[in-house]
Amino acid sequence: MKYSVDIHVVLATVQDMEDFHDDPDEAAERLNFILHCLYDRAEDDIDTLRLEKLLHFVWESWQRDRNLVDLEDDELLDWVDHTLATWDDAGNDDYSDQP
C-alpha cells in the first residue's frame, strides 16, 4: 500500500546534491518534484516494495544528472508516467528494496 511509504524519508536535501550540481538547492527541489510526482501518480494499492524500488530508481536516475535543473515540469512528468507504465517490462528487479 502506498500510504505505508513515508515520502518524506526519501526526499533530497541540498547536501545530497551539492557534489553534483552547481545549484544544489534547485537540484534538490527538482529531484523532490520527481519523487512527489511518482508517489502521487502511483496507484493507492501499489505494492510497498515496488514503490520503494521506484523511488530508489528515481534517485539513481536523477541525483547526479546535471540536466536535472534544465528540464521542464512537463518533461519530468512524462518521464514519471513512462517509468510507471513500463516498470514491469524494463527488467528492474535488481533495484534494492531500500530507497
PDB file of N, CA and C in Angstrom:
ATOM      1  N   MET A   1       0.832  -1.184   0.000  1.00  0.00           N
ATOM      2  CA  MET A   1       0.000   0.000   0.000  1.00  0.00           C
ATOM      3  C   MET A   1       0.875   1.245   0.000  1.00  0.00           C
ATOM      4  N   LYS A   2       0.489   2.186  -0.817  1.00  0.00           N
ATOM      5  CA  LYS A   2       1.247   3.421  -0.980  1.00  0.00           C
ATOM      6  C   LYS A   2       1.436   4.166   0.327  1.00  0.00           C
ATOM      7  N   TYR A   3       0.428   4.196   1.141  1.00  0.00           N
ATOM      8  CA  TYR A   3       0.468   5.029   2.341  1.00  0.00           C
ATOM      9  C   TYR A   3       1.348   4.459   3.454  1.00  0.00           C
ATOM     10  N   SER A   4       1.887   3.278   3.243  1.00  0.00           N
ATOM     11  CA  SER A   4       2.833   2.743   4.226  1.00  0.00           C
ATOM     12  C   SER A   4       4.262   3.220   3.939  1.00  0.00           C
ATOM     13  N   VAL A   5       4.442   3.948   2.840  1.00  0.00           N
ATOM     14  CA  VAL A   5       5.741   4.523   2.495  1.00  0.00           C
ATOM     15  C   VAL A   5       5.697   6.010   2.815  1.00  0.00           C
ATOM     16  N   ASP A   6       6.634   6.451   3.649  1.00  0.00           N
ATOM     17  CA  ASP A   6       6.719   7.863   4.011  1.00  0.00           C
ATOM     18  C   ASP A   6       7.611   8.573   3.002  1.00  0.00           C
ATOM     19  N   ILE A   7       7.017   9.344   2.118  1.00  0.00           N
ATOM     20  CA  ILE A   7       7.755  10.028   1.053  1.00  0.00           C
ATOM     21  C   ILE A   7       8.800  10.982   1.626  1.00  0.00           C
ATOM     22  N   HIS A   8       8.554  11.520   2.807  1.00  0.00           N
ATOM     23  CA  HIS A   8       9.485  12.485   3.397  1.00  0.00           C
ATOM     24  C   HIS A   8      10.833  11.867   3.745  1.00  0.00           C
ATOM     25  N   VAL A   9      10.875  10.565   3.900  1.00  0.00           N
ATOM     26  CA  VAL A   9      12.124   9.872   4.221  1.00  0.00           C
ATOM     27  C   VAL A   9      13.079   9.872   3.025  1.00  0.00           C
ATOM     28  N   VAL A  10      12.559   9.898   1.820  1.00  0.00           N
ATOM     29  CA  VAL A  10      13.403   9.793   0.630  1.00  0.00           C
ATOM     30  C   VAL A  10      13.665  11.122  -0.070  1.00  0.00           C
ATOM     31  N   LEU A  11      13.130  12.203   0.445  1.00  0.00           N
ATOM     32  CA  LEU A  11      13.325  13.488  -0.219  1.00  0.00           C
ATOM     33  C   LEU A  11      14.781  13.941  -0.138  1.00  0.00           C
ATOM     34  N   ALA A  12      15.208  14.643  -1.174  1.00  0.00           N
ATOM     35  CA  ALA A  12      16.588  15.116  -1.274  1.00  0.00           C
ATOM     36  C   ALA A  12      16.789  16.383  -0.454  1.00  0.00           C
ATOM     37  N   THR A  13      18.009  16.556   0.016  1.00  0.00           N
ATOM     38  CA  THR A  13      18.418  17.783   0.689  1.00  0.00           C
ATOM     39  C   THR A  13      19.488  18.454  -0.161  1.00  0.00           C
ATOM     40  N   VAL A  14      19.791  19.676   0.155  1.00  0.00           N
ATOM     41  CA  VAL A  14      20.849  20.397  -0.549  1.00  0.00           C
ATOM     42  C   VAL A  14      22.164  19.628  -0.428  1.00  0.00           C
ATOM     43  N   GLN A  15      22.418  19.080   0.744  1.00  0.00           N
ATOM     44  CA  GLN A  15      23.659  18.340   0.967  1.00  0.00           C
ATOM     45  C   GLN A  15      23.757  17.101   0.069  1.00  0.00           C
ATOM     46  N   ASP A  16      22.633  16.485  -0.240  1.00  0.00           N
ATOM     47  CA  ASP A  16      22.629  15.320  -1.132  1.00  0.00           C
ATOM     48  C   ASP A  16      23.071  15.683  -2.550  1.00  0.00           C
ATOM     49  N   MET A  17      22.875  16.940  -2.908  1.00  0.00           N
ATOM     50  CA  MET A  17      23.065  17.352  -4.290  1.00  0.00           C
ATOM     51  C   MET A  17      24.322  18.189  -4.528  1.00  0.00           C
ATOM     52  N   GLU A  18      24.937  18.692  -3.485  1.00  0.00           N
ATOM     53  CA  GLU A  18      25.997  19.682  -3.661  1.00  0.00           C
ATOM     54  C   GLU A  18      27.254  19.146  -4.350  1.00  0.00           C
ATOM     55  N   ASP A  19      27.500  17.872  -4.316  1.00  0.00           N
ATOM     56  CA  ASP A  19      28.676  17.324  -5.003  1.00  0.00           C
ATOM     57  C   ASP A  19      28.461  17.167  -6.508  1.00  0.00           C
ATOM     58  N   PHE A  20      27.229  17.303  -6.961  1.00  0.00           N
ATOM     59  CA  PHE A  20      26.911  17.002  -8.359  1.00  0.00           C
ATOM     60  C   PHE A  20      26.322  18.168  -9.147  1.00  0.00           C
ATOM     61  N   HIS A  21      25.889  19.223  -8.461  1.00  0.00           N
ATOM     62  CA  HIS A  21      25.172  20.305  -9.145  1.00  0.00           C
ATOM     63  C   HIS A  21      25.702  21.666  -8.720  1.00  0.00           C
ATOM     64  N   ASP A  22      25.719  22.592  -9.679  1.00  0.00           N
ATOM     65  CA  ASP A  22      26.142  23.961  -9.394  1.00  0.00           C
ATOM     66  C   ASP A  22      25.154  24.677  -8.486  1.00  0.00           C
ATOM     67  N   ASP A  23      23.883  24.339  -8.623  1.00  0.00           N
ATOM     68  CA  ASP A  23      22.837  24.919  -7.780  1.00  0.00           C
ATOM     69  C   ASP A  23      22.149  23.770  -7.030  1.00  0.00           C
ATOM     70  N   PRO A  24      22.743  23.326  -5.929  1.00  0.00           N
ATOM     71  CA  PRO A  24      22.210  22.150  -5.231  1.00  0.00           C
ATOM     72  C   PRO A  24      20.812  22.369  -4.657  1.00  0.00           C
ATOM     73  N   ASP A  25      20.473  23.595  -4.326  1.00  0.00           N
ATOM     74  CA  ASP A  25      19.136  23.872  -3.813  1.00  0.00           C
ATOM     75  C   ASP A  25      18.083  23.614  -4.893  1.00  0.00           C
ATOM     76  N   GLU A  26      18.326  24.137  -6.078  1.00  0.00           N
ATOM     77  CA  GLU A  26      17.398  23.916  -7.196  1.00  0.00           C
ATOM     78  C   GLU A  26      17.368  22.447  -7.590  1.00  0.00           C
ATOM     79  N   ALA A  27      18.504  21.798  -7.595  1.00  0.00           N
ATOM     80  CA  ALA A  27      18.560  20.381  -7.951  1.00  0.00           C
ATOM     81  C   ALA A  27      17.760  19.543  -6.949  1.00  0.00           C
ATOM     82  N   ALA A  28      17.876  19.857  -5.665  1.00  0.00           N
ATOM     83  CA  ALA A  28      17.102  19.131  -4.648  1.00  0.00           C
ATOM     84  C   ALA A  28      15.609  19.355  -4.859  1.00  0.00           C
ATOM     85  N   GLU A  29      15.227  20.578  -5.182  1.00  0.00           N
ATOM     86  CA  GLU A  29      13.808  20.859  -5.452  1.00  0.00           C
ATOM     87  C   GLU A  29      13.304  20.058  -6.645  1.00  0.00           C
ATOM     88  N   ARG A  30      14.102  19.977  -7.699  1.00  0.00           N
ATOM     89  CA  ARG A  30      13.694  19.246  -8.901  1.00  0.00           C
ATOM     90  C   ARG A  30      13.579  17.744  -8.622  1.00  0.00           C
ATOM     91  N   LEU A  31      14.569  17.198  -7.905  1.00  0.00           N
ATOM     92  CA  LEU A  31      14.503  15.773  -7.560  1.00  0.00           C
ATOM     93  C   LEU A  31      13.293  15.498  -6.685  1.00  0.00           C
ATOM     94  N   ASN A  32      13.024  16.367  -5.742  1.00  0.00           N
ATOM     95  CA  ASN A  32      11.861  16.190  -4.877  1.00  0.00           C
ATOM     96  C   ASN A  32      10.559  16.303  -5.665  1.00  0.00           C
ATOM     97  N   PHE A  33      10.545  17.162  -6.687  1.00  0.00           N
ATOM     98  CA  PHE A  33       9.387  17.260  -7.565  1.00  0.00           C
ATOM     99  C   PHE A  33       9.112  15.902  -8.218  1.00  0.00           C
ATOM    100  N   ILE A  34      10.164  15.261  -8.734  1.00  0.00           N
ATOM    101  CA  ILE A  34      10.001  13.956  -9.384  1.00  0.00           C
ATOM    102  C   ILE A  34       9.526  12.913  -8.380  1.00  0.00           C
ATOM    103  N   LEU A  35      10.138  12.896  -7.203  1.00  0.00           N
ATOM    104  CA  LEU A  35       9.749  11.925  -6.176  1.00  0.00           C
ATOM    105  C   LEU A  35       8.281  12.097  -5.784  1.00  0.00           C
ATOM    106  N   HIS A  36       7.855  13.334  -5.567  1.00  0.00           N
ATOM    107  CA  HIS A  36       6.458  13.592  -5.208  1.00  0.00           C
ATOM    108  C   HIS A  36       5.519  13.193  -6.342  1.00  0.00           C
ATOM    109  N   CYS A  37       5.894  13.517  -7.573  1.00  0.00           N
ATOM    110  CA  CYS A  37       5.045  13.159  -8.714  1.00  0.00           C
ATOM    111  C   CYS A  37       4.881  11.655  -8.832  1.00  0.00           C
ATOM    112  N   LEU A  38       5.981  10.934  -8.698  1.00  0.00           N
ATOM    113  CA  LEU A  38       5.888   9.481  -8.783  1.00  0.00           C
ATOM    114  C   LEU A  38       4.999   8.940  -7.673  1.00  0.00           C
ATOM    115  N   TYR A  39       5.208   9.423  -6.477  1.00  0.00           N
ATOM    116  CA  TYR A  39       4.399   8.972  -5.344  1.00  0.00           C
ATOM    117  C   TYR A  39       2.922   9.292  -5.579  1.00  0.00           C
ATOM    118  N   ASP A  40       2.636  10.509  -5.994  1.00  0.00           N
ATOM    119  CA  ASP A  40       1.253  10.938  -6.207  1.00  0.00           C
ATOM    120  C   ASP A  40       0.577  10.167  -7.334  1.00  0.00           C
ATOM    121  N   ARG A  41       1.317   9.837  -8.369  1.00  0.00           N
ATOM    122  CA  ARG A  41       0.736   9.169  -9.535  1.00  0.00           C
ATOM    123  C   ARG A  41       0.691   7.648  -9.402  1.00  0.00           C
ATOM    124  N   ALA A  42       1.382   7.113  -8.427  1.00  0.00           N
ATOM    125  CA  ALA A  42       1.317   5.669  -8.190  1.00  0.00           C
ATOM    126  C   ALA A  42      -0.072   5.305  -7.673  1.00  0.00           C
ATOM    127  N   GLU A  43      -0.529   4.134  -8.030  1.00  0.00           N
ATOM    128  CA  GLU A  43      -1.835   3.681  -7.566  1.00  0.00           C
ATOM    129  C   GLU A  43      -1.827   3.516  -6.056  1.00  0.00           C
ATOM    130  N   ASP A  44      -2.953   3.772  -5.424  1.00  0.00           N
ATOM    131  CA  ASP A  44      -3.040   3.682  -3.967  1.00  0.00           C
ATOM    132  C   ASP A  44      -2.714   2.288  -3.449  1.00  0.00           C
ATOM    133  N   ASP A  45      -3.023   1.263  -4.233  1.00  0.00           N
ATOM    134  CA  ASP A  45      -2.800  -0.105  -3.780  1.00  0.00           C
ATOM    135  C   ASP A  45      -1.490  -0.707  -4.314  1.00  0.00           C
ATOM    136  N   ILE A  46      -0.564   0.154  -4.737  1.00  0.00           N
ATOM    137  CA  ILE A  46       0.731  -0.326  -5.231  1.00  0.00           C
ATOM    138  C   ILE A  46       1.446  -1.104  -4.124  1.00  0.00           C
ATOM    139  N   ASP A  47       2.125  -2.149  -4.510  1.00  0.00           N
ATOM    140  CA  ASP A  47       2.896  -2.936  -3.567  1.00  0.00           C
ATOM    141  C   ASP A  47       3.988  -2.048  -2.955  1.00  0.00           C
ATOM    142  N   THR A  48       4.151  -2.125  -1.653  1.00  0.00           N
ATOM    143  CA  THR A  48       5.110  -1.277  -0.939  1.00  0.00           C
ATOM    144  C   THR A  48       6.523  -1.458  -1.482  1.00  0.00           C
ATOM    145  N   LEU A  49       6.944  -2.674  -1.681  1.00  0.00           N
ATOM    146  CA  LEU A  49       8.289  -2.942  -2.189  1.00  0.00           C
ATOM    147  C   LEU A  49       8.471  -2.348  -3.582  1.00  0.00           C
ATOM    148  N   ARG A  50       7.472  -2.479  -4.407  1.00  0.00           N
ATOM    149  CA  ARG A  50       7.535  -1.908  -5.759  1.00  0.00           C
ATOM    150  C   ARG A  50       7.705  -0.399  -5.688  1.00  0.00           C
ATOM    151  N   LEU A  51       6.938   0.267  -4.841  1.00  0.00           N
ATOM    152  CA  LEU A  51       7.045   1.715  -4.708  1.00  0.00           C
ATOM    153  C   LEU A  51       8.418   2.119  -4.184  1.00  0.00           C
ATOM    154  N   GLU A  52       8.930   1.391  -3.225  1.00  0.00           N
ATOM    155  CA  GLU A  52      10.266   1.691  -2.700  1.00  0.00           C
ATOM    156  C   GLU A  52      11.323   1.550  -3.793  1.00  0.00           C
ATOM    157  N   LYS A  53      11.197   0.525  -4.623  1.00  0.00           N
ATOM    158  CA  LYS A  53      12.136   0.335  -5.723  1.00  0.00           C
ATOM    159  C   LYS A  53      12.024   1.459  -6.745  1.00  0.00           C
ATOM    160  N   LEU A  54      10.811   1.890  -7.030  1.00  0.00           N
ATOM    161  CA  LEU A  54      10.609   3.003  -7.957  1.00  0.00           C
ATOM    162  C   LEU A  54      11.249   4.287  -7.429  1.00  0.00           C
ATOM    163  N   LEU A  55      11.074   4.558  -6.151  1.00  0.00           N
ATOM    164  CA  LEU A  55      11.665   5.759  -5.560  1.00  0.00           C
ATOM    165  C   LEU A  55      13.194   5.668  -5.586  1.00  0.00           C
ATOM    166  N   HIS A  56      13.722   4.496  -5.341  1.00  0.00           N
ATOM    167  CA  HIS A  56      15.165   4.289  -5.429  1.00  0.00           C
ATOM    168  C   HIS A  56      15.646   4.530  -6.867  1.00  0.00           C
ATOM    169  N   PHE A  57      14.888   4.058  -7.817  1.00  0.00           N
ATOM    170  CA  PHE A  57      15.216   4.253  -9.226  1.00  0.00           C
ATOM    171  C   PHE A  57      15.251   5.740  -9.576  1.00  0.00           C
ATOM    172  N   VAL A  58      14.329   6.517  -9.037  1.00  0.00           N
ATOM    173  CA  VAL A  58      14.343   7.961  -9.260  1.00  0.00           C
ATOM    174  C   VAL A  58      15.663   8.545  -8.782  1.00  0.00           C
ATOM    175  N   TRP A  59      16.061   8.179  -7.573  1.00  0.00           N
ATOM    176  CA  TRP A  59      17.338   8.656  -7.030  1.00  0.00           C
ATOM    177  C   TRP A  59      18.492   8.281  -7.948  1.00  0.00           C
ATOM    178  N   GLU A  60      18.575   7.020  -8.334  1.00  0.00           N
ATOM    179  CA  GLU A  60      19.667   6.549  -9.177  1.00  0.00           C
ATOM    180  C   GLU A  60      19.672   7.228 -10.540  1.00  0.00           C
ATOM    181  N   SER A  61      18.501   7.539 -11.041  1.00  0.00           N
ATOM    182  CA  SER A  61      18.387   8.138 -12.366  1.00  0.00           C
ATOM    183  C   SER A  61      18.692   9.628 -12.380  1.00  0.00           C
ATOM    184  N   TRP A  62      18.386  10.328 -11.302  1.00  0.00           N
ATOM    185  CA  TRP A  62      18.407  11.792 -11.354  1.00  0.00           C
ATOM    186  C   TRP A  62      19.374  12.502 -10.420  1.00  0.00           C
ATOM    187  N   GLN A  63      19.824  11.889  -9.346  1.00  0.00           N
ATOM    188  CA  GLN A  63      20.644  12.628  -8.387  1.00  0.00           C
ATOM    189  C   GLN A  63      21.884  13.248  -9.038  1.00  0.00           C
ATOM    190  N   ARG A  64      22.550  12.526  -9.880  1.00  0.00           N
ATOM    191  CA  ARG A  64      23.795  13.004 -10.482  1.00  0.00           C
ATOM    192  C   ARG A  64      23.620  13.588 -11.874  1.00  0.00           C
ATOM    193  N   ASP A  65      22.396  13.596 -12.373  1.00  0.00           N
ATOM    194  CA  ASP A  65      22.147  14.080 -13.729  1.00  0.00           C
ATOM    195  C   ASP A  65      22.212  15.605 -13.769  1.00  0.00           C
ATOM    196  N   ARG A  66      23.201  16.122 -14.444  1.00  0.00           N
ATOM    197  CA  ARG A  66      23.417  17.577 -14.495  1.00  0.00           C
ATOM    198  C   ARG A  66      22.326  18.304 -15.275  1.00  0.00           C
ATOM    199  N   ASN A  67      21.521  17.592 -16.044  1.00  0.00           N
ATOM    200  CA  ASN A  67      20.427  18.199 -16.796  1.00  0.00           C
ATOM    201  C   ASN A  67      19.165  18.383 -15.959  1.00  0.00           C
ATOM    202  N   LEU A  68      19.189  17.897 -14.746  1.00  0.00           N
ATOM    203  CA  LEU A  68      18.008  17.905 -13.884  1.00  0.00           C
ATOM    204  C   LEU A  68      17.381  19.286 -13.773  1.00  0.00           C
ATOM    205  N   VAL A  69      18.181  20.301 -13.558  1.00  0.00           N
ATOM    206  CA  VAL A  69      17.628  21.645 -13.338  1.00  0.00           C
ATOM    207  C   VAL A  69      17.190  22.315 -14.634  1.00  0.00           C
ATOM    208  N   ASP A  70      17.541  21.745 -15.766  1.00  0.00           N
ATOM    209  CA  ASP A  70      17.204  22.347 -17.063  1.00  0.00           C
ATOM    210  C   ASP A  70      15.899  21.831 -17.651  1.00  0.00           C
ATOM    211  N   LEU A  71      15.354  20.776 -17.087  1.00  0.00           N
ATOM    212  CA  LEU A  71      14.150  20.167 -17.653  1.00  0.00           C
ATOM    213  C   LEU A  71      12.885  20.831 -17.118  1.00  0.00           C
ATOM    214  N   GLU A  72      11.904  20.912 -17.975  1.00  0.00           N
ATOM    215  CA  GLU A  72      10.610  21.489 -17.624  1.00  0.00           C
ATOM    216  C   GLU A  72       9.772  20.463 -16.860  1.00  0.00           C
ATOM    217  N   ASP A  73       8.811  20.964 -16.098  1.00  0.00           N
ATOM    218  CA  ASP A  73       7.930  20.080 -15.336  1.00  0.00           C
ATOM    219  C   ASP A  73       7.256  19.038 -16.213  1.00  0.00           C
ATOM    220  N   ASP A  74       6.766  19.463 -17.385  1.00  0.00           N
ATOM    221  CA  ASP A  74       6.044  18.513 -18.235  1.00  0.00           C
ATOM    222  C   ASP A  74       6.960  17.397 -18.747  1.00  0.00           C
ATOM    223  N   GLU A  75       8.234  17.695 -18.960  1.00  0.00           N
ATOM    224  CA  GLU A  75       9.182  16.661 -19.372  1.00  0.00           C
ATOM    225  C   GLU A  75       9.411  15.657 -18.243  1.00  0.00           C
ATOM    226  N   LEU A  76       9.506  16.157 -17.032  1.00  0.00           N
ATOM    227  CA  LEU A  76       9.691  15.278 -15.878  1.00  0.00           C
ATOM    228  C   LEU A  76       8.436  14.453 -15.610  1.00  0.00           C
ATOM    229  N   LEU A  77       7.277  15.065 -15.789  1.00  0.00           N
ATOM    230  CA  LEU A  77       6.026  14.318 -15.621  1.00  0.00           C
ATOM    231  C   LEU A  77       5.907  13.208 -16.657  1.00  0.00           C
ATOM    232  N   ASP A  78       6.326  13.491 -17.886  1.00  0.00           N
ATOM    233  CA  ASP A  78       6.328  12.453 -18.919  1.00  0.00           C
ATOM    234  C   ASP A  78       7.241  11.301 -18.525  1.00  0.00           C
ATOM    235  N   TRP A  79       8.411  11.627 -17.951  1.00  0.00           N
ATOM    236  CA  TRP A  79       9.342  10.593 -17.508  1.00  0.00           C
ATOM    237  C   TRP A  79       8.706   9.741 -16.413  1.00  0.00           C
ATOM    238  N   VAL A  80       8.055  10.384 -15.461  1.00  0.00           N
ATOM    239  CA  VAL A  80       7.389   9.665 -14.368  1.00  0.00           C
ATOM    240  C   VAL A  80       6.315   8.739 -14.932  1.00  0.00           C
ATOM    241  N   ASP A  81       5.472   9.265 -15.809  1.00  0.00           N
ATOM    242  CA  ASP A  81       4.406   8.451 -16.401  1.00  0.00           C
ATOM    243  C   ASP A  81       4.985   7.264 -17.166  1.00  0.00           C
ATOM    244  N   HIS A  82       6.026   7.505 -17.933  1.00  0.00           N
ATOM    245  CA  HIS A  82       6.662   6.430 -18.693  1.00  0.00           C
ATOM    246  C   HIS A  82       7.256   5.378 -17.749  1.00  0.00           C
ATOM    247  N   THR A  83       7.903   5.827 -16.693  1.00  0.00           N
ATOM    248  CA  THR A  83       8.512   4.898 -15.738  1.00  0.00           C
ATOM    249  C   THR A  83       7.454   4.041 -15.065  1.00  0.00           C
ATOM    250  N   LEU A  84       6.369   4.646 -14.636  1.00  0.00           N
ATOM    251  CA  LEU A  84       5.295   3.880 -14.007  1.00  0.00           C
ATOM    252  C   LEU A  84       4.669   2.891 -14.980  1.00  0.00           C
ATOM    253  N   ALA A  85       4.520   3.299 -16.238  1.00  0.00           N
ATOM    254  CA  ALA A  85       3.865   2.449 -17.233  1.00  0.00           C
ATOM    255  C   ALA A  85       4.740   1.291 -17.693  1.00  0.00           C
ATOM    256  N   THR A  86       6.050   1.457 -17.650  1.00  0.00           N
ATOM    257  CA  THR A  86       6.940   0.438 -18.221  1.00  0.00           C
ATOM    258  C   THR A  86       7.789  -0.276 -17.184  1.00  0.00           C
ATOM    259  N   TRP A  87       7.585  -0.013 -15.919  1.00  0.00           N
ATOM    260  CA  TRP A  87       8.441  -0.582 -14.877  1.00  0.00           C
ATOM    261  C   TRP A  87       8.550  -2.099 -14.967  1.00  0.00           C
ATOM    262  N   ASP A  88       7.440  -2.779 -15.102  1.00  0.00           N
ATOM    263  CA  ASP A  88       7.458  -4.244 -15.125  1.00  0.00           C
ATOM    264  C   ASP A  88       8.165  -4.794 -16.353  1.00  0.00           C
ATOM    265  N   ASP A  89       8.112  -4.071 -17.450  1.00  0.00           N
ATOM    266  CA  ASP A  89       8.725  -4.539 -18.691  1.00  0.00           C
ATOM    267  C   ASP A  89      10.203  -4.188 -18.797  1.00  0.00           C
ATOM    268  N   ALA A  90      10.685  -3.327 -17.911  1.00  0.00           N
ATOM    269  CA  ALA A  90      12.047  -2.797 -18.040  1.00  0.00           C
ATOM    270  C   ALA A  90      13.106  -3.634 -17.329  1.00  0.00           C
ATOM    271  N   GLY A  91      12.727  -4.714 -16.673  1.00  0.00           N
ATOM    272  CA  GLY A  91      13.704  -5.562 -16.001  1.00  0.00           C
ATOM    273  C   GLY A  91      14.368  -4.884 -14.817  1.00  0.00           C
ATOM    274  N   ASN A  92      13.592  -4.275 -13.966  1.00  0.00           N
ATOM    275  CA  ASN A  92      14.117  -3.521 -12.830  1.00  0.00           C
ATOM    276  C   ASN A  92      14.116  -4.311 -11.527  1.00  0.00           C
ATOM    277  N   ASP A  93      14.165  -5.608 -11.619  1.00  0.00           N
ATOM    278  CA  ASP A  93      14.150  -6.440 -10.422  1.00  0.00           C
ATOM    279  C   ASP A  93      15.415  -6.288  -9.582  1.00  0.00           C
ATOM    280  N   ASP A  94      16.465  -5.748 -10.150  1.00  0.00           N
ATOM    281  CA  ASP A  94      17.740  -5.653  -9.446  1.00  0.00           C
ATOM    282  C   ASP A  94      17.799  -4.506  -8.445  1.00  0.00           C
ATOM    283  N   TYR A  95      16.873  -3.585  -8.498  1.00  0.00           N
ATOM    284  CA  TYR A  95      16.916  -2.450  -7.563  1.00  0.00           C
ATOM    285  C   TYR A  95      16.634  -2.930  -6.159  1.00  0.00           C
ATOM    286  N   SER A  96      17.436  -2.432  -5.241  1.00  0.00           N
ATOM    287  CA  SER A  96      17.287  -2.838  -3.844  1.00  0.00           C
ATOM    288  C   SER A  96      15.937  -2.417  -3.317  1.00  0.00           C
ATOM    289  N   ASP A  97      15.543  -3.011  -2.221  1.00  0.00           N
ATOM    290  CA  ASP A  97      14.253  -2.669  -1.631  1.00  0.00           C
ATOM    291  C   ASP A  97      14.383  -1.481  -0.671  1.00  0.00           C
ATOM    292  N   GLN A  98      15.525  -0.822  -0.672  1.00  0.00           N
ATOM    293  CA  GLN A  98      15.708   0.369   0.155  1.00  0.00           C
ATOM    294  C   GLN A  98      15.855   1.576  -0.739  1.00  0.00           C
ATOM    295  N   PRO A  99      14.989   2.577  -0.597  1.00  0.00           N
ATOM    296  CA  PRO A  99      15.108   3.784  -1.426  1.00  0.00           C
ATOM    297  C   PRO A  99      16.346   4.581  -1.078  1.00  0.00           C
TER     298      PRO A  99
END
